[in-house]
Amino acid sequence: MTRSAARRASAVQVEKSLLPGQPVEGEAEDSLTSSPSASGVAWYWRLAMFLWGTSFAFLLLYEWLAGIIKAW
């Protein structure tokens, strides 16, 4: 049993509308400088991730050095 190809009811839309978070052309630079957080991540999440990452790195370094010292 074969199916026929789906056909479009209308032509393809040529113009794309702006996304909800996308600024208008005239205020593109103003919106970047007026935003408190340009990346969208709050400062406390950046701090939490920094603390988590550094503690993970130091614990990994500690385990690696402890393994080397025990091997002597």
PDB file of N, CA and C in Angstrom:
ATOM      1  N   MET A   1       0.829  -1.165   0.000  1.00  0.00           N
ATOM      2  CA  MET A   1       0.000   0.000   0.000  1.00  0.00           C
ATOM      3  C   MET A   1       0.886   1.245   0.000  1.00  0.00           C
ATOM      4  N   THR A   2       0.670   2.130  -0.924  1.00  0.00           N
ATOM      5  CA  THR A   2       1.500   3.328  -1.021  1.00  0.00           C
ATOM      6  C   THR A   2       0.676   4.560  -0.702  1.00  0.00           C
ATOM      7  N   ARG A   3       1.375   5.539  -0.136  1.00  0.00           N
ATOM      8  CA  ARG A   3       0.716   6.794   0.197  1.00  0.00           C
ATOM      9  C   ARG A   3       1.167   7.868  -0.780  1.00  0.00           C
ATOM     10  N   SER A   4       0.282   8.768  -1.088  1.00  0.00           N
ATOM     11  CA  SER A   4       0.668   9.881  -1.947  1.00  0.00           C
ATOM     12  C   SER A   4       1.391  10.932  -1.090  1.00  0.00           C
ATOM     13  N   ALA A   5       2.218  11.729  -1.728  1.00  0.00           N
ATOM     14  CA  ALA A   5       2.993  12.749  -1.016  1.00  0.00           C
ATOM     15  C   ALA A   5       2.063  13.829  -0.478  1.00  0.00           C
ATOM     16  N   ALA A   6       2.393  14.353   0.679  1.00  0.00           N
ATOM     17  CA  ALA A   6       1.584  15.417   1.277  1.00  0.00           C
ATOM     18  C   ALA A   6       1.766  16.691   0.469  1.00  0.00           C
ATOM     19  N   ARG A   7       0.705  17.407   0.275  1.00  0.00           N
ATOM     20  CA  ARG A   7       0.765  18.648  -0.499  1.00  0.00           C
ATOM     21  C   ARG A   7       0.465  19.838   0.404  1.00  0.00           C
ATOM     22  N   ARG A   8       1.162  20.921   0.143  1.00  0.00           N
ATOM     23  CA  ARG A   8       0.956  22.136   0.930  1.00  0.00           C
ATOM     24  C   ARG A   8      -0.292  22.857   0.452  1.00  0.00           C
ATOM     25  N   ALA A   9      -1.033  23.380   1.409  1.00  0.00           N
ATOM     26  CA  ALA A   9      -2.249  24.102   1.076  1.00  0.00           C
ATOM     27  C   ALA A   9      -1.953  25.533   0.650  1.00  0.00           C
ATOM     28  N   SER A  10      -0.831  26.115   1.136  1.00  0.00           N
ATOM     29  CA  SER A  10      -0.513  27.498   0.794  1.00  0.00           C
ATOM     30  C   SER A  10       0.974  27.619   0.486  1.00  0.00           C
ATOM     31  N   ALA A  11       1.355  28.775  -0.017  1.00  0.00           N
ATOM     32  CA  ALA A  11       2.756  29.025  -0.356  1.00  0.00           C
ATOM     33  C   ALA A  11       3.578  29.198   0.920  1.00  0.00           C
ATOM     34  N   VAL A  12       4.876  29.044   0.789  1.00  0.00           N
ATOM     35  CA  VAL A  12       5.782  29.195   1.922  1.00  0.00           C
ATOM     36  C   VAL A  12       5.847  30.668   2.307  1.00  0.00           C
ATOM     37  N   GLN A  13       5.841  30.946   3.602  1.00  0.00           N
ATOM     38  CA  GLN A  13       5.907  32.321   4.093  1.00  0.00           C
ATOM     39  C   GLN A  13       7.311  32.865   3.880  1.00  0.00           C
ATOM     40  N   VAL A  14       7.426  34.023   3.252  1.00  0.00           N
ATOM     41  CA  VAL A  14       8.718  34.598   2.907  1.00  0.00           C
ATOM     42  C   VAL A  14       9.310  35.355   4.082  1.00  0.00           C
ATOM     43  N   GLU A  15       8.539  36.210   4.744  1.00  0.00           N
ATOM     44  CA  GLU A  15       9.045  37.022   5.847  1.00  0.00           C
ATOM     45  C   GLU A  15       8.906  36.272   7.161  1.00  0.00           C
ATOM     46  N   LYS A  16       9.930  36.392   7.983  1.00  0.00           N
ATOM     47  CA  LYS A  16       9.881  35.776   9.305  1.00  0.00           C
ATOM     48  C   LYS A  16       9.586  36.849  10.335  1.00  0.00           C
ATOM     49  N   SER A  17       8.746  36.536  11.277  1.00  0.00           N
ATOM     50  CA  SER A  17       8.442  37.497  12.331  1.00  0.00           C
ATOM     51  C   SER A  17       9.560  37.486  13.371  1.00  0.00           C
ATOM     52  N   LEU A  18       9.664  38.573  14.138  1.00  0.00           N
ATOM     53  CA  LEU A  18      10.669  38.665  15.192  1.00  0.00           C
ATOM     54  C   LEU A  18      10.338  37.712  16.325  1.00  0.00           C
ATOM     55  N   LEU A  19      11.350  37.164  16.936  1.00  0.00           N
ATOM     56  CA  LEU A  19      11.156  36.309  18.098  1.00  0.00           C
ATOM     57  C   LEU A  19      10.738  37.178  19.281  1.00  0.00           C
ATOM     58  N   PRO A  20      10.070  36.614  20.276  1.00  0.00           N
ATOM     59  CA  PRO A  20       9.608  37.419  21.413  1.00  0.00           C
ATOM     60  C   PRO A  20      10.726  38.157  22.139  1.00  0.00           C
ATOM     61  N   GLY A  21      11.889  37.571  22.289  1.00  0.00           N
ATOM     62  CA  GLY A  21      12.979  38.205  23.027  1.00  0.00           C
ATOM     63  C   GLY A  21      13.900  39.027  22.163  1.00  0.00           C
ATOM     64  N   GLN A  22      13.644  39.090  20.849  1.00  0.00           N
ATOM     65  CA  GLN A  22      14.534  39.781  19.941  1.00  0.00           C
ATOM     66  C   GLN A  22      14.214  41.276  19.928  1.00  0.00           C
ATOM     67  N   PRO A  23      15.231  42.151  20.123  1.00  0.00           N
ATOM     68  CA  PRO A  23      14.975  43.591  20.152  1.00  0.00           C
ATOM     69  C   PRO A  23      14.722  44.142  18.748  1.00  0.00           C
ATOM     70  N   VAL A  24      14.075  45.291  18.713  1.00  0.00           N
ATOM     71  CA  VAL A  24      13.845  45.991  17.461  1.00  0.00           C
ATOM     72  C   VAL A  24      15.160  46.604  17.012  1.00  0.00           C
ATOM     73  N   GLU A  25      15.335  46.857  15.710  1.00  0.00           N
ATOM     74  CA  GLU A  25      16.613  47.329  15.171  1.00  0.00           C
ATOM     75  C   GLU A  25      17.128  48.599  15.844  1.00  0.00           C
ATOM     76  N   GLY A  26      16.290  49.550  16.149  1.00  0.00           N
ATOM     77  CA  GLY A  26      16.715  50.822  16.728  1.00  0.00           C
ATOM     78  C   GLY A  26      17.230  50.707  18.148  1.00  0.00           C
ATOM     79  N   GLU A  27      16.751  49.762  18.901  1.00  0.00           N
ATOM     80  CA  GLU A  27      17.140  49.647  20.314  1.00  0.00           C
ATOM     81  C   GLU A  27      17.994  48.427  20.593  1.00  0.00           C
ATOM     82  N   ALA A  28      18.703  47.928  19.602  1.00  0.00           N
ATOM     83  CA  ALA A  28      19.510  46.717  19.760  1.00  0.00           C
ATOM     84  C   ALA A  28      20.662  46.940  20.745  1.00  0.00           C
ATOM     85  N   GLU A  29      21.383  48.050  20.615  1.00  0.00           N
ATOM     86  CA  GLU A  29      22.530  48.281  21.491  1.00  0.00           C
ATOM     87  C   GLU A  29      22.094  48.722  22.874  1.00  0.00           C
ATOM     88  N   ASP A  30      21.005  49.470  22.969  1.00  0.00           N
ATOM     89  CA  ASP A  30      20.526  49.932  24.267  1.00  0.00           C
ATOM     90  C   ASP A  30      20.058  48.780  25.140  1.00  0.00           C
ATOM     91  N   SER A  31      19.435  47.782  24.549  1.00  0.00           N
ATOM     92  CA  SER A  31      18.914  46.678  25.344  1.00  0.00           C
ATOM     93  C   SER A  31      20.030  45.818  25.914  1.00  0.00           C
ATOM     94  N   LEU A  32      21.160  45.721  25.213  1.00  0.00           N
ATOM     95  CA  LEU A  32      22.268  44.917  25.730  1.00  0.00           C
ATOM     96  C   LEU A  32      22.930  45.590  26.926  1.00  0.00           C
ATOM     97  N   THR A  33      23.041  46.915  26.901  1.00  0.00           N
ATOM     98  CA  THR A  33      23.703  47.602  28.005  1.00  0.00           C
ATOM     99  C   THR A  33      22.760  47.808  29.182  1.00  0.00           C
ATOM    100  N   SER A  34      21.456  47.884  28.934  1.00  0.00           N
ATOM    101  CA  SER A  34      20.529  48.116  30.028  1.00  0.00           C
ATOM    102  C   SER A  34      20.165  46.835  30.769  1.00  0.00           C
ATOM    103  N   SER A  35      20.417  45.693  30.167  1.00  0.00           N
ATOM    104  CA  SER A  35      20.088  44.414  30.792  1.00  0.00           C
ATOM    105  C   SER A  35      21.048  44.140  31.945  1.00  0.00           C
ATOM    106  N   PRO A  36      20.550  43.775  33.119  1.00  0.00           N
ATOM    107  CA  PRO A  36      21.448  43.505  34.242  1.00  0.00           C
ATOM    108  C   PRO A  36      22.296  42.262  34.017  1.00  0.00           C
ATOM    109  N   SER A  37      21.772  41.302  33.314  1.00  0.00           N
ATOM    110  CA  SER A  37      22.510  40.077  33.049  1.00  0.00           C
ATOM    111  C   SER A  37      22.382  39.743  31.570  1.00  0.00           C
ATOM    112  N   ALA A  38      23.427  40.010  30.804  1.00  0.00           N
ATOM    113  CA  ALA A  38      23.363  39.829  29.359  1.00  0.00           C
ATOM    114  C   ALA A  38      23.232  38.357  28.979  1.00  0.00           C
ATOM    115  N   SER A  39      23.815  37.452  29.751  1.00  0.00           N
ATOM    116  CA  SER A  39      23.751  36.034  29.402  1.00  0.00           C
ATOM    117  C   SER A  39      22.472  35.367  29.888  1.00  0.00           C
ATOM    118  N   GLY A  40      21.715  36.013  30.734  1.00  0.00           N
ATOM    119  CA  GLY A  40      20.473  35.446  31.224  1.00  0.00           C
ATOM    120  C   GLY A  40      20.627  34.616  32.486  1.00  0.00           C
ATOM    121  N   VAL A  41      21.841  34.499  33.009  1.00  0.00           N
ATOM    122  CA  VAL A  41      22.088  33.719  34.227  1.00  0.00           C
ATOM    123  C   VAL A  41      22.339  34.687  35.372  1.00  0.00           C
ATOM    124  N   ALA A  42      21.687  34.467  36.485  1.00  0.00           N
ATOM    125  CA  ALA A  42      21.839  35.346  37.637  1.00  0.00           C
ATOM    126  C   ALA A  42      23.234  35.199  38.253  1.00  0.00           C
ATOM    127  N   TRP A  43      23.667  36.225  38.960  1.00  0.00           N
ATOM    128  CA  TRP A  43      25.021  36.229  39.525  1.00  0.00           C
ATOM    129  C   TRP A  43      25.211  35.125  40.551  1.00  0.00           C
ATOM    130  N   TYR A  44      24.161  34.804  41.311  1.00  0.00           N
ATOM    131  CA  TYR A  44      24.327  33.786  42.346  1.00  0.00           C
ATOM    132  C   TYR A  44      24.468  32.393  41.734  1.00  0.00           C
ATOM    133  N   TRP A  45      23.881  32.163  40.553  1.00  0.00           N
ATOM    134  CA  TRP A  45      24.100  30.881  39.889  1.00  0.00           C
ATOM    135  C   TRP A  45      25.514  30.786  39.359  1.00  0.00           C
ATOM    136  N   ARG A  46      26.038  31.906  38.864  1.00  0.00           N
ATOM    137  CA  ARG A  46      27.443  31.916  38.421  1.00  0.00           C
ATOM    138  C   ARG A  46      28.370  31.626  39.596  1.00  0.00           C
ATOM    139  N   LEU A  47      28.083  32.236  40.755  1.00  0.00           N
ATOM    140  CA  LEU A  47      28.890  32.012  41.941  1.00  0.00           C
ATOM    141  C   LEU A  47      28.799  30.557  42.384  1.00  0.00           C
ATOM    142  N   ALA A  48      27.594  29.999  42.391  1.00  0.00           N
ATOM    143  CA  ALA A  48      27.402  28.608  42.802  1.00  0.00           C
ATOM    144  C   ALA A  48      28.147  27.658  41.876  1.00  0.00           C
ATOM    145  N   MET A  49      28.070  27.905  40.585  1.00  0.00           N
ATOM    146  CA  MET A  49      28.763  27.025  39.633  1.00  0.00           C
ATOM    147  C   MET A  49      30.282  27.179  39.741  1.00  0.00           C
ATOM    148  N   PHE A  50      30.761  28.401  40.012  1.00  0.00           N
ATOM    149  CA  PHE A  50      32.187  28.605  40.211  1.00  0.00           C
ATOM    150  C   PHE A  50      32.670  27.853  41.445  1.00  0.00           C
ATOM    151  N   LEU A  51      31.938  27.960  42.544  1.00  0.00           N
ATOM    152  CA  LEU A  51      32.326  27.256  43.769  1.00  0.00           C
ATOM    153  C   LEU A  51      32.281  25.747  43.579  1.00  0.00           C
ATOM    154  N   TRP A  52      31.251  25.255  42.900  1.00  0.00           N
ATOM    155  CA  TRP A  52      31.149  23.819  42.648  1.00  0.00           C
ATOM    156  C   TRP A  52      32.299  23.344  41.774  1.00  0.00           C
ATOM    157  N   GLY A  53      32.594  24.094  40.719  1.00  0.00           N
ATOM    158  CA  GLY A  53      33.669  23.697  39.803  1.00  0.00           C
ATOM    159  C   GLY A  53      35.035  23.712  40.457  1.00  0.00           C
ATOM    160  N   THR A  54      35.327  24.762  41.238  1.00  0.00           N
ATOM    161  CA  THR A  54      36.634  24.828  41.884  1.00  0.00           C
ATOM    162  C   THR A  54      36.773  23.768  42.972  1.00  0.00           C
ATOM    163  N   SER A  55      35.709  23.511  43.725  1.00  0.00           N
ATOM    164  CA  SER A  55      35.804  22.466  44.749  1.00  0.00           C
ATOM    165  C   SER A  55      35.994  21.093  44.100  1.00  0.00           C
ATOM    166  N   PHE A  56      35.320  20.844  42.996  1.00  0.00           N
ATOM    167  CA  PHE A  56      35.502  19.577  42.291  1.00  0.00           C
ATOM    168  C   PHE A  56      36.943  19.441  41.796  1.00  0.00           C
ATOM    169  N   ALA A  57      37.502  20.531  41.240  1.00  0.00           N
ATOM    170  CA  ALA A  57      38.877  20.489  40.727  1.00  0.00           C
ATOM    171  C   ALA A  57      39.877  20.259  41.863  1.00  0.00           C
ATOM    172  N   PHE A  58      39.689  20.940  42.986  1.00  0.00           N
ATOM    173  CA  PHE A  58      40.618  20.764  44.102  1.00  0.00           C
ATOM    174  C   PHE A  58      40.508  19.367  44.723  1.00  0.00           C
ATOM    175  N   LEU A  59      39.302  18.822  44.822  1.00  0.00           N
ATOM    176  CA  LEU A  59      39.168  17.463  45.343  1.00  0.00           C
ATOM    177  C   LEU A  59      39.797  16.443  44.401  1.00  0.00           C
ATOM    178  N   LEU A  60      39.658  16.647  43.106  1.00  0.00           N
ATOM    179  CA  LEU A  60      40.294  15.754  42.135  1.00  0.00           C
ATOM    180  C   LEU A  60      41.814  15.849  42.230  1.00  0.00           C
ATOM    181  N   LEU A  61      42.326  17.059  42.359  1.00  0.00           N
ATOM    182  CA  LEU A  61      43.768  17.258  42.515  1.00  0.00           C
ATOM    183  C   LEU A  61      44.266  16.614  43.806  1.00  0.00           C
ATOM    184  N   TYR A  62      43.514  16.758  44.883  1.00  0.00           N
ATOM    185  CA  TYR A  62      43.885  16.154  46.162  1.00  0.00           C
ATOM    186  C   TYR A  62      43.959  14.632  46.045  1.00  0.00           C
ATOM    187  N   GLU A  63      42.960  14.026  45.441  1.00  0.00           N
ATOM    188  CA  GLU A  63      42.958  12.568  45.295  1.00  0.00           C
ATOM    189  C   GLU A  63      44.122  12.100  44.429  1.00  0.00           C
ATOM    190  N   TRP A  64      44.410  12.850  43.383  1.00  0.00           N
ATOM    191  CA  TRP A  64      45.505  12.486  42.485  1.00  0.00           C
ATOM    192  C   TRP A  64      46.853  12.580  43.212  1.00  0.00           C
ATOM    193  N   LEU A  65      47.059  13.669  43.954  1.00  0.00           N
ATOM    194  CA  LEU A  65      48.313  13.827  44.694  1.00  0.00           C
ATOM    195  C   LEU A  65      48.417  12.815  45.838  1.00  0.00           C
ATOM    196  N   ALA A  66      47.309  12.512  46.499  1.00  0.00           N
ATOM    197  CA  ALA A  66      47.341  11.511  47.570  1.00  0.00           C
ATOM    198  C   ALA A  66      47.689  10.143  47.012  1.00  0.00           C
ATOM    199  N   GLY A  67      47.205   9.823  45.831  1.00  0.00           N
ATOM    200  CA  GLY A  67      47.547   8.552  45.183  1.00  0.00           C
ATOM    201  C   GLY A  67      49.029   8.474  44.823  1.00  0.00           C
ATOM    202  N   ILE A  68      49.585   9.584  44.377  1.00  0.00           N
ATOM    203  CA  ILE A  68      51.007   9.609  44.030  1.00  0.00           C
ATOM    204  C   ILE A  68      51.862   9.461  45.283  1.00  0.00           C
ATOM    205  N   ILE A  69      51.491  10.137  46.357  1.00  0.00           N
ATOM    206  CA  ILE A  69      52.265  10.069  47.599  1.00  0.00           C
ATOM    207  C   ILE A  69      52.187   8.674  48.197  1.00  0.00           C
ATOM    208  N   LYS A  70      51.006   8.029  48.150  1.00  0.00           N
ATOM    209  CA  LYS A  70      50.870   6.681  48.688  1.00  0.00           C
ATOM    210  C   LYS A  70      51.647   5.663  47.887  1.00  0.00           C
ATOM    211  N   ALA A  71      51.842   5.941  46.595  1.00  0.00           N
ATOM    212  CA  ALA A  71      52.595   5.012  45.739  1.00  0.00           C
ATOM    213  C   ALA A  71      54.073   4.999  46.068  1.00  0.00           C
ATOM    214  N   TRP A  72      54.615   6.016  46.707  1.00  0.00           N
ATOM    215  CA  TRP A  72      56.033   6.065  47.073  1.00  0.00           C
ATOM    216  C   TRP A  72      56.276   5.150  48.173  1.00  0.00           C
TER     217      TRP A  72
END
